Amino acid sequence: MKEDRGKAAFGDTSLQMCAEGLFQCSRNTSYDELVCIPSIARCNGIPDCPGSSDEFGCEENQCHGNFQ
C-alpha cells in the first residue's frame, strides 16, 4: 500500500480511498479521479468536490458561521 496526499492506494485504482479525517468526494463519469477533502469542509455551504458531492445529504438547518 502506498499513501499519496491523503489517498491510500492498494494497486487497483478502484480500491483507492481517502485517509482518516478526510471526506471522499463522489466519483462520476466526467471526473473519475479520487478527490479527498478535509472532513470539516463537508456540509459547510461551499462546494469543494467536483460536482459538489460534499454538499449533498446535509442537514438544511445549518447556520454557517452564525449562532443558532
C-alpha atoms as a PDB file:
ATOM      1  CA  MET A   1       0.000   0.000   0.000  1.00  0.00           C
ATOM      2  CA  LYS A   2       1.306   3.482  -0.801  1.00  0.00           C
ATOM      3  CA  GLU A   3      -0.049   6.756   0.511  1.00  0.00           C
ATOM      4  CA  ASP A   4      -0.185   9.965  -1.545  1.00  0.00           C
ATOM      5  CA  ARG A   5      -1.674  13.252  -0.244  1.00  0.00           C
ATOM      6  CA  GLY A   6      -4.327  11.612   1.924  1.00  0.00           C
ATOM      7  CA  LYS A   7      -5.075   8.823  -0.527  1.00  0.00           C
ATOM      8  CA  ALA A   8      -4.358   5.179   0.200  1.00  0.00           C
ATOM      9  CA  ALA A   9      -3.761   3.135  -2.945  1.00  0.00           C
ATOM     10  CA  PHE A  10      -3.857  -0.630  -2.998  1.00  0.00           C
ATOM     11  CA  GLY A  11      -2.554  -1.119  -6.551  1.00  0.00           C
ATOM     12  CA  ASP A  12      -6.004  -1.178  -8.167  1.00  0.00           C
ATOM     13  CA  THR A  13      -7.422   2.327  -8.657  1.00  0.00           C
ATOM     14  CA  SER A  14     -10.929   1.061  -7.876  1.00  0.00           C
ATOM     15  CA  LEU A  15      -9.736   0.316  -4.316  1.00  0.00           C
ATOM     16  CA  GLN A  16      -8.367   3.798  -3.588  1.00  0.00           C
ATOM     17  CA  MET A  17      -9.781   5.527  -0.559  1.00  0.00           C
ATOM     18  CA  CYS A  18      -9.171   8.666   1.463  1.00  0.00           C
ATOM     19  CA  ALA A  19      -7.141   8.628   4.655  1.00  0.00           C
ATOM     20  CA  GLU A  20      -8.807   9.014   8.054  1.00  0.00           C
ATOM     21  CA  GLY A  21     -10.112  12.514   8.685  1.00  0.00           C
ATOM     22  CA  LEU A  22     -10.814  13.148   5.010  1.00  0.00           C
ATOM     23  CA  PHE A  23     -14.076  13.015   3.058  1.00  0.00           C
ATOM     24  CA  GLN A  24     -14.069  11.121  -0.241  1.00  0.00           C
ATOM     25  CA  CYS A  25     -15.827  13.058  -2.984  1.00  0.00           C
ATOM     26  CA  SER A  26     -18.220  11.070  -5.160  1.00  0.00           C
ATOM     27  CA  ARG A  27     -16.801   9.979  -8.479  1.00  0.00           C
ATOM     28  CA  ASN A  28     -18.750  10.461 -11.684  1.00  0.00           C
ATOM     29  CA  THR A  29     -18.191   9.698 -15.346  1.00  0.00           C
ATOM     30  CA  SER A  30     -16.805  13.138 -16.188  1.00  0.00           C
ATOM     31  CA  TYR A  31     -14.361  13.202 -13.221  1.00  0.00           C
ATOM     32  CA  ASP A  32     -13.108   9.765 -12.217  1.00  0.00           C
ATOM     33  CA  GLU A  33     -10.052  10.751 -10.141  1.00  0.00           C
ATOM     34  CA  LEU A  34     -10.168  10.175  -6.383  1.00  0.00           C
ATOM     35  CA  VAL A  35     -10.563  13.511  -4.605  1.00  0.00           C
ATOM     36  CA  CYS A  36     -10.227  13.864  -0.828  1.00  0.00           C
ATOM     37  CA  ILE A  37     -11.072  16.985   1.170  1.00  0.00           C
ATOM     38  CA  PRO A  38     -10.811  17.679   4.915  1.00  0.00           C
ATOM     39  CA  SER A  39     -13.920  16.330   6.666  1.00  0.00           C
ATOM     40  CA  ILE A  40     -14.535  19.770   8.164  1.00  0.00           C
ATOM     41  CA  ALA A  41     -15.161  21.072   4.613  1.00  0.00           C
ATOM     42  CA  ARG A  42     -18.172  18.757   4.191  1.00  0.00           C
ATOM     43  CA  CYS A  43     -21.588  20.416   4.549  1.00  0.00           C
ATOM     44  CA  ASN A  44     -20.086  23.870   5.035  1.00  0.00           C
ATOM     45  CA  GLY A  45     -22.149  25.526   2.289  1.00  0.00           C
ATOM     46  CA  ILE A  46     -19.138  25.785  -0.026  1.00  0.00           C
ATOM     47  CA  PRO A  47     -18.784  23.145  -2.762  1.00  0.00           C
ATOM     48  CA  ASP A  48     -15.247  21.738  -2.551  1.00  0.00           C
ATOM     49  CA  CYS A  49     -15.720  18.488  -4.509  1.00  0.00           C
ATOM     50  CA  PRO A  50     -16.168  18.218  -8.270  1.00  0.00           C
ATOM     51  CA  GLY A  51     -19.939  18.056  -8.745  1.00  0.00           C
ATOM     52  CA  SER A  52     -20.496  19.490  -5.226  1.00  0.00           C
ATOM     53  CA  SER A  53     -20.902  15.999  -3.720  1.00  0.00           C
ATOM     54  CA  ASP A  54     -19.625  17.299  -0.359  1.00  0.00           C
ATOM     55  CA  GLU A  55     -22.820  19.359  -0.048  1.00  0.00           C
ATOM     56  CA  PHE A  56     -25.303  16.524  -0.796  1.00  0.00           C
ATOM     57  CA  GLY A  57     -27.182  14.862   2.065  1.00  0.00           C
ATOM     58  CA  CYS A  58     -26.507  17.691   4.504  1.00  0.00           C
ATOM     59  CA  GLU A  59     -28.984  18.981   7.057  1.00  0.00           C
ATOM     60  CA  GLU A  60     -30.744  22.060   5.752  1.00  0.00           C
ATOM     61  CA  ASN A  61     -30.901  23.814   9.140  1.00  0.00           C
ATOM     62  CA  GLN A  62     -27.212  24.614   9.313  1.00  0.00           C
ATOM     63  CA  CYS A  63     -26.215  28.174  10.175  1.00  0.00           C
ATOM     64  CA  HIS A  64     -22.737  28.565   8.724  1.00  0.00           C
ATOM     65  CA  GLY A  65     -20.664  30.997  10.734  1.00  0.00           C
ATOM     66  CA  ASN A  66     -23.690  32.187  12.733  1.00  0.00           C
ATOM     67  CA  PHE A  67     -25.046  31.493  16.189  1.00  0.00           C
ATOM     68  CA  GLN A  68     -28.022  29.132  16.181  1.00  0.00           C
END
